[in-house]
Amino acid sequence: MARSVEDLALAYDAMQGFDPDDPACVNRTAQPVAPLLRRGAAGLRIAVAGGYFKPRGQEALQAIERVAVALGVDRDIDIPQAERARSAAFLII
């Protein structure tokens, strides 16, 4: 596994934890992800998102297809009203 992925997982794990000075922080038990890397993609449900998320360029579509084949993805999904949800998120932010 790429060392950068392990580094990211370790950094994420190190940043978990409650910060009483952060009003948006939730006080919950840390959930380390670094040990989960050994599992790889086993047990994950993976699909290719279309509709709003589908890129327009042929090169990007070909890259998505190569990754989907490599991961054994056999499902395409459409997320209803994704564009409206993204617009609402922009307004909230």
Protein backbone atom coordinates (compact mmCIF):
# COMPACT_ATOMS: atom_id res chain seq x y z
CA MET A 1 0.00 0.00 0.00
CA ALA A 2 1.24 3.47 -0.80
CA ARG A 3 3.00 5.10 2.11
CA SER A 4 1.10 8.35 1.50
CA VAL A 5 -2.21 6.60 2.24
CA GLU A 6 -0.82 5.27 5.50
CA ASP A 7 0.48 8.74 6.37
CA LEU A 8 -2.92 10.29 5.71
CA ALA A 9 -4.65 7.69 7.87
CA LEU A 10 -2.19 8.25 10.72
CA ALA A 11 -2.58 12.03 10.45
CA TYR A 12 -6.39 11.68 10.49
CA ASP A 13 -6.18 9.43 13.54
CA ALA A 14 -3.90 11.93 15.32
CA MET A 15 -6.34 14.80 14.69
CA GLN A 16 -9.35 12.98 16.12
CA GLY A 17 -10.52 13.91 19.57
CA PHE A 18 -12.69 16.43 21.33
CA ASP A 19 -11.72 20.10 21.35
CA PRO A 20 -13.72 22.01 23.99
CA ASP A 21 -12.76 25.29 22.32
CA ASP A 22 -14.39 24.27 19.02
CA PRO A 23 -18.18 24.86 19.16
CA ALA A 24 -18.72 22.57 16.15
CA CYS A 25 -16.74 19.63 17.58
CA VAL A 26 -18.66 16.55 18.71
CA ASN A 27 -17.55 14.86 21.92
CA ARG A 28 -17.27 11.23 20.87
CA THR A 29 -14.77 8.41 21.05
CA ALA A 30 -12.04 8.49 18.40
CA GLN A 31 -12.45 5.96 15.59
CA PRO A 32 -8.98 5.11 14.25
CA VAL A 33 -8.86 4.32 10.54
CA ALA A 34 -5.20 3.27 10.14
CA PRO A 35 -5.89 -0.34 11.25
CA LEU A 36 -8.67 -0.57 8.64
CA LEU A 37 -6.22 -0.07 5.76
CA ARG A 38 -5.20 -3.74 5.93
CA ARG A 39 -8.71 -4.68 4.80
CA GLY A 40 -8.33 -2.87 1.48
CA ALA A 41 -11.62 -2.60 -0.39
CA ALA A 42 -13.04 -5.83 1.06
CA GLY A 43 -16.61 -5.34 2.21
CA LEU A 44 -17.04 -1.93 0.57
CA ARG A 45 -19.89 -1.20 -1.82
CA ILE A 46 -18.45 0.82 -4.68
CA ALA A 47 -20.33 2.35 -7.62
CA VAL A 48 -19.73 4.98 -10.26
CA ALA A 49 -21.83 8.10 -9.68
CA GLY A 50 -23.40 9.53 -12.82
CA GLY A 51 -25.69 12.43 -13.52
CA TYR A 52 -24.43 15.56 -11.78
CA PHE A 53 -21.11 13.86 -10.95
CA LYS A 54 -20.35 12.53 -14.45
CA PRO A 55 -17.44 14.44 -16.01
CA ARG A 56 -17.79 15.82 -19.52
CA GLY A 57 -14.31 15.09 -20.86
CA GLN A 58 -13.52 11.85 -22.66
CA GLU A 59 -10.17 11.51 -20.87
CA ALA A 60 -11.84 11.72 -17.45
CA LEU A 61 -14.50 9.20 -18.47
CA GLN A 62 -11.80 6.77 -19.62
CA ALA A 63 -9.92 7.21 -16.31
CA ILE A 64 -13.09 6.46 -14.35
CA GLU A 65 -13.67 3.35 -16.45
CA ARG A 66 -10.11 2.10 -15.83
CA VAL A 67 -10.43 2.62 -12.07
CA ALA A 68 -13.88 1.00 -12.01
CA VAL A 69 -12.54 -2.08 -13.81
CA ALA A 70 -9.53 -2.25 -11.46
CA LEU A 71 -11.82 -2.12 -8.41
CA GLY A 72 -14.37 -4.53 -9.84
CA VAL A 73 -17.13 -1.93 -9.86
CA ASP A 74 -20.23 -3.23 -11.60
CA ARG A 75 -22.82 -0.63 -10.63
CA ASP A 76 -23.65 2.88 -11.75
CA ILE A 77 -25.79 5.08 -9.52
CA ASP A 78 -27.51 8.42 -9.83
CA ILE A 79 -27.90 10.56 -6.74
CA PRO A 80 -31.26 12.34 -7.03
CA GLN A 81 -31.19 16.12 -6.77
CA ALA A 82 -27.43 16.22 -6.20
CA GLU A 83 -27.18 19.57 -7.98
CA ARG A 84 -29.82 21.10 -5.70
CA ALA A 85 -28.08 19.71 -2.62
CA ARG A 86 -24.74 21.15 -3.76
CA SER A 87 -26.36 24.54 -4.40
CA ALA A 88 -27.88 24.50 -0.91
CA ALA A 89 -24.47 23.63 0.56
CA PHE A 90 -22.92 26.64 -1.18
CA LEU A 91 -25.60 28.89 0.31
CA ILE A 92 -25.10 27.46 3.80
CA ILE A 93 -21.34 27.78 3.63
